[in-house]
Amino acid sequence: MIVRIASGITEQLLAHAAADAPHEACGLLLGTAGPEHSDIRVARPAPNVAADPARRFEIDPAMLLSAHRTARGDGMAILGHYHSHPDGSTRPSKRDAARALQNGQIWMIIGGAAITAWIAAADGALHGRFHEIALAPL
């Protein structure tokens, strides 16, 4: 599977992560999904409401509900979410693996000036939970 990203979104994600450091930035990825690729057309920043936002993320539930409504109205779906690792790592942590559902959604991780994308699976190569997926411009 390939994840294609619309112009300007990569820069938006990197800027959000830098602005929220040393806390984890987070948000939702909206777009369209197909059998061979998913197209991210919108990145919607969300408040990190985690009890310890420097070590974990939790997307504001009210924002999540609002994003579902908006996505449907615009002919899109929530494809997944993004979050940053202030330590610069772009690999999912063991904490990420423990929280990941095998629901086909994209886990995009920002670390420093790099971004990676992952999908949770029962037989994942990383932590027994994640497979990396390719990123490409849209």
C-alpha atoms as a PDB file:
ATOM      1  CA  MET A   1       0.000   0.000   0.000  1.00  0.00           C
ATOM      2  CA  ILE A   2       1.096   3.569  -0.746  1.00  0.00           C
ATOM      3  CA  VAL A   3      -0.043   6.700   1.054  1.00  0.00           C
ATOM      4  CA  ARG A   4      -0.075   9.773  -1.171  1.00  0.00           C
ATOM      5  CA  ILE A   5       0.010  13.196   0.457  1.00  0.00           C
ATOM      6  CA  ALA A   6      -1.418  16.400  -1.047  1.00  0.00           C
ATOM      7  CA  SER A   7       0.872  19.368  -1.562  1.00  0.00           C
ATOM      8  CA  GLY A   8       1.682  21.379   1.554  1.00  0.00           C
ATOM      9  CA  ILE A   9       0.583  18.790   4.106  1.00  0.00           C
ATOM     10  CA  THR A  10       4.095  17.548   4.865  1.00  0.00           C
ATOM     11  CA  GLU A  11       5.180  21.103   5.688  1.00  0.00           C
ATOM     12  CA  GLN A  12       2.033  21.609   7.795  1.00  0.00           C
ATOM     13  CA  LEU A  13       2.753  18.458   9.842  1.00  0.00           C
ATOM     14  CA  LEU A  14       6.403  19.368  10.418  1.00  0.00           C
ATOM     15  CA  ALA A  15       5.422  22.896  11.506  1.00  0.00           C
ATOM     16  CA  HIS A  16       2.753  21.582  13.887  1.00  0.00           C
ATOM     17  CA  ALA A  17       5.212  19.162  15.500  1.00  0.00           C
ATOM     18  CA  ALA A  18       7.827  21.900  15.912  1.00  0.00           C
ATOM     19  CA  ALA A  19       5.299  24.336  17.400  1.00  0.00           C
ATOM     20  CA  ASP A  20       4.013  21.831  19.966  1.00  0.00           C
ATOM     21  CA  ALA A  21       7.440  20.578  21.109  1.00  0.00           C
ATOM     22  CA  PRO A  22       8.300  19.431  23.711  1.00  0.00           C
ATOM     23  CA  HIS A  23       4.768  17.988  23.742  1.00  0.00           C
ATOM     24  CA  GLU A  24       3.487  15.474  21.217  1.00  0.00           C
ATOM     25  CA  ALA A  25       1.475  17.124  18.445  1.00  0.00           C
ATOM     26  CA  CYS A  26      -1.459  15.173  17.062  1.00  0.00           C
ATOM     27  CA  GLY A  27      -4.237  15.361  14.535  1.00  0.00           C
ATOM     28  CA  LEU A  28      -6.330  13.546  11.971  1.00  0.00           C
ATOM     29  CA  LEU A  29      -5.680  12.584   8.363  1.00  0.00           C
ATOM     30  CA  LEU A  30      -8.646  12.942   6.012  1.00  0.00           C
ATOM     31  CA  GLY A  31      -8.928  11.814   2.416  1.00  0.00           C
ATOM     32  CA  THR A  32      -9.926   8.912   0.232  1.00  0.00           C
ATOM     33  CA  ALA A  33      -8.924   5.257   0.351  1.00  0.00           C
ATOM     34  CA  GLY A  34      -8.548   2.764  -2.461  1.00  0.00           C
ATOM     35  CA  PRO A  35      -7.218  -0.774  -2.814  1.00  0.00           C
ATOM     36  CA  GLU A  36      -3.717   0.280  -3.918  1.00  0.00           C
ATOM     37  CA  HIS A  37      -3.300   3.670  -2.295  1.00  0.00           C
ATOM     38  CA  SER A  38      -4.835   6.155   0.094  1.00  0.00           C
ATOM     39  CA  ASP A  39      -4.802   9.881  -0.643  1.00  0.00           C
ATOM     40  CA  ILE A  40      -4.408  12.270   2.278  1.00  0.00           C
ATOM     41  CA  ARG A  41      -6.038  15.534   1.266  1.00  0.00           C
ATOM     42  CA  VAL A  42      -6.385  17.258   4.655  1.00  0.00           C
ATOM     43  CA  ALA A  43      -4.444  17.162   7.923  1.00  0.00           C
ATOM     44  CA  ARG A  44      -6.537  18.499  10.764  1.00  0.00           C
ATOM     45  CA  PRO A  45      -4.587  19.423  13.927  1.00  0.00           C
ATOM     46  CA  ALA A  46      -6.200  18.388  17.203  1.00  0.00           C
ATOM     47  CA  PRO A  47      -5.630  19.364  20.803  1.00  0.00           C
ATOM     48  CA  ASN A  48      -3.556  16.777  22.672  1.00  0.00           C
ATOM     49  CA  VAL A  49      -5.669  16.096  25.755  1.00  0.00           C
ATOM     50  CA  ALA A  50      -3.418  13.364  27.205  1.00  0.00           C
ATOM     51  CA  ALA A  51      -2.640  13.590  30.913  1.00  0.00           C
ATOM     52  CA  ASP A  52       1.087  13.677  30.035  1.00  0.00           C
ATOM     53  CA  PRO A  53       1.308  15.280  26.561  1.00  0.00           C
ATOM     54  CA  ALA A  54       5.120  15.199  26.628  1.00  0.00           C
ATOM     55  CA  ARG A  55       5.045  11.379  26.609  1.00  0.00           C
ATOM     56  CA  ARG A  56       1.814  10.418  24.857  1.00  0.00           C
ATOM     57  CA  PHE A  57      -1.035  11.754  22.776  1.00  0.00           C
ATOM     58  CA  GLU A  58      -4.798  11.617  22.926  1.00  0.00           C
ATOM     59  CA  ILE A  59      -6.924  13.339  20.306  1.00  0.00           C
ATOM     60  CA  ASP A  60      -9.713  15.485  21.727  1.00  0.00           C
ATOM     61  CA  PRO A  61     -12.904  13.352  21.403  1.00  0.00           C
ATOM     62  CA  ALA A  62     -15.088  16.371  20.527  1.00  0.00           C
ATOM     63  CA  MET A  63     -12.744  17.245  17.667  1.00  0.00           C
ATOM     64  CA  LEU A  64     -12.829  13.629  16.470  1.00  0.00           C
ATOM     65  CA  LEU A  65     -16.634  13.648  16.235  1.00  0.00           C
ATOM     66  CA  SER A  66     -16.590  16.984  14.426  1.00  0.00           C
ATOM     67  CA  ALA A  67     -13.982  15.693  11.962  1.00  0.00           C
ATOM     68  CA  HIS A  68     -16.116  12.636  11.136  1.00  0.00           C
ATOM     69  CA  ARG A  69     -19.046  14.911  10.264  1.00  0.00           C
ATOM     70  CA  THR A  70     -16.878  17.247   8.201  1.00  0.00           C
ATOM     71  CA  ALA A  71     -15.202  14.400   6.325  1.00  0.00           C
ATOM     72  CA  ARG A  72     -18.524  12.804   5.373  1.00  0.00           C
ATOM     73  CA  GLY A  73     -19.874  16.147   4.179  1.00  0.00           C
ATOM     74  CA  ASP A  74     -16.803  16.643   1.983  1.00  0.00           C
ATOM     75  CA  GLY A  75     -16.858  13.113   0.514  1.00  0.00           C
ATOM     76  CA  MET A  76     -13.817  12.003   2.506  1.00  0.00           C
ATOM     77  CA  ALA A  77     -13.090   9.696   5.418  1.00  0.00           C
ATOM     78  CA  ILE A  78     -10.741   9.768   8.378  1.00  0.00           C
ATOM     79  CA  LEU A  79      -7.863   7.635   7.124  1.00  0.00           C
ATOM     80  CA  GLY A  80      -5.892   7.749  10.342  1.00  0.00           C
ATOM     81  CA  HIS A  81      -4.016  10.138  12.538  1.00  0.00           C
ATOM     82  CA  TYR A  82      -0.602  11.648  13.065  1.00  0.00           C
ATOM     83  CA  HIS A  83       1.453  12.381  16.113  1.00  0.00           C
ATOM     84  CA  SER A  84       4.958  13.540  16.814  1.00  0.00           C
ATOM     85  CA  HIS A  85       7.766  12.053  18.838  1.00  0.00           C
ATOM     86  CA  PRO A  86       9.648  14.995  20.383  1.00  0.00           C
ATOM     87  CA  ASP A  87      12.729  12.744  20.795  1.00  0.00           C
ATOM     88  CA  GLY A  88      13.043  12.630  16.977  1.00  0.00           C
ATOM     89  CA  SER A  89      12.104   8.973  16.491  1.00  0.00           C
ATOM     90  CA  THR A  90       9.873   8.161  13.512  1.00  0.00           C
ATOM     91  CA  ARG A  91       9.212   4.564  14.545  1.00  0.00           C
ATOM     92  CA  PRO A  92       6.159   3.618  16.601  1.00  0.00           C
ATOM     93  CA  SER A  93       6.976   3.109  20.252  1.00  0.00           C
ATOM     94  CA  LYS A  94       5.984   0.110  22.325  1.00  0.00           C
ATOM     95  CA  ARG A  95       3.353   2.387  23.890  1.00  0.00           C
ATOM     96  CA  ASP A  96       2.002   3.077  20.373  1.00  0.00           C
ATOM     97  CA  ALA A  97       1.910  -0.655  19.665  1.00  0.00           C
ATOM     98  CA  ALA A  98      -0.046  -1.326  22.853  1.00  0.00           C
ATOM     99  CA  ARG A  99      -2.693   1.227  21.803  1.00  0.00           C
ATOM    100  CA  ALA A 100      -2.900   0.397  18.087  1.00  0.00           C
ATOM    101  CA  LEU A 101      -6.075  -1.168  16.778  1.00  0.00           C
ATOM    102  CA  GLN A 102      -5.988  -3.329  13.676  1.00  0.00           C
ATOM    103  CA  ASN A 103      -8.573  -1.189  11.920  1.00  0.00           C
ATOM    104  CA  GLY A 104      -6.692  -0.319   8.721  1.00  0.00           C
ATOM    105  CA  GLN A 105      -6.021   3.257   9.773  1.00  0.00           C
ATOM    106  CA  ILE A 106      -2.748   5.048   9.106  1.00  0.00           C
ATOM    107  CA  TRP A 107      -0.389   5.885  11.957  1.00  0.00           C
ATOM    108  CA  MET A 108       1.785   8.765  10.726  1.00  0.00           C
ATOM    109  CA  ILE A 109       4.700   9.699  12.959  1.00  0.00           C
ATOM    110  CA  ILE A 110       6.720  12.907  12.817  1.00  0.00           C
ATOM    111  CA  GLY A 111      10.211  12.953  14.286  1.00  0.00           C
ATOM    112  CA  GLY A 112      12.523  15.887  13.681  1.00  0.00           C
ATOM    113  CA  ALA A 113      12.323  16.702   9.957  1.00  0.00           C
ATOM    114  CA  ALA A 114      11.085  13.238   8.910  1.00  0.00           C
ATOM    115  CA  ILE A 115       7.696  11.578   8.597  1.00  0.00           C
ATOM    116  CA  THR A 116       6.863   7.881   8.352  1.00  0.00           C
ATOM    117  CA  ALA A 117       3.578   6.007   7.947  1.00  0.00           C
ATOM    118  CA  TRP A 118       2.536   2.708   9.487  1.00  0.00           C
ATOM    119  CA  ILE A 119      -0.430   0.358   9.641  1.00  0.00           C
ATOM    120  CA  ALA A 120      -1.260  -1.919  12.561  1.00  0.00           C
ATOM    121  CA  ALA A 121      -1.499  -5.651  11.882  1.00  0.00           C
ATOM    122  CA  ALA A 122      -1.502  -8.802  14.000  1.00  0.00           C
ATOM    123  CA  ASP A 123       1.757  -9.930  12.390  1.00  0.00           C
ATOM    124  CA  GLY A 124       3.504  -6.557  12.268  1.00  0.00           C
ATOM    125  CA  ALA A 125       7.264  -6.550  11.735  1.00  0.00           C
ATOM    126  CA  LEU A 126       7.778  -3.853  14.400  1.00  0.00           C
ATOM    127  CA  HIS A 127       6.730  -4.701  17.982  1.00  0.00           C
ATOM    128  CA  GLY A 128       4.572  -7.477  16.502  1.00  0.00           C
ATOM    129  CA  ARG A 129       2.065  -4.775  15.531  1.00  0.00           C
ATOM    130  CA  PHE A 130       3.208  -2.385  12.751  1.00  0.00           C
ATOM    131  CA  HIS A 131       4.142  -2.553   9.091  1.00  0.00           C
ATOM    132  CA  GLU A 132       5.689   0.519   7.474  1.00  0.00           C
ATOM    133  CA  ILE A 133       3.895   1.872   4.412  1.00  0.00           C
ATOM    134  CA  ALA A 134       5.355   3.998   1.635  1.00  0.00           C
ATOM    135  CA  LEU A 135       4.727   7.729   1.348  1.00  0.00           C
ATOM    136  CA  ALA A 136       4.522   9.569  -1.976  1.00  0.00           C
ATOM    137  CA  PRO A 137       3.394  12.998  -3.177  1.00  0.00           C
ATOM    138  CA  LEU A 138      -0.132  13.304  -4.530  1.00  0.00           C
END
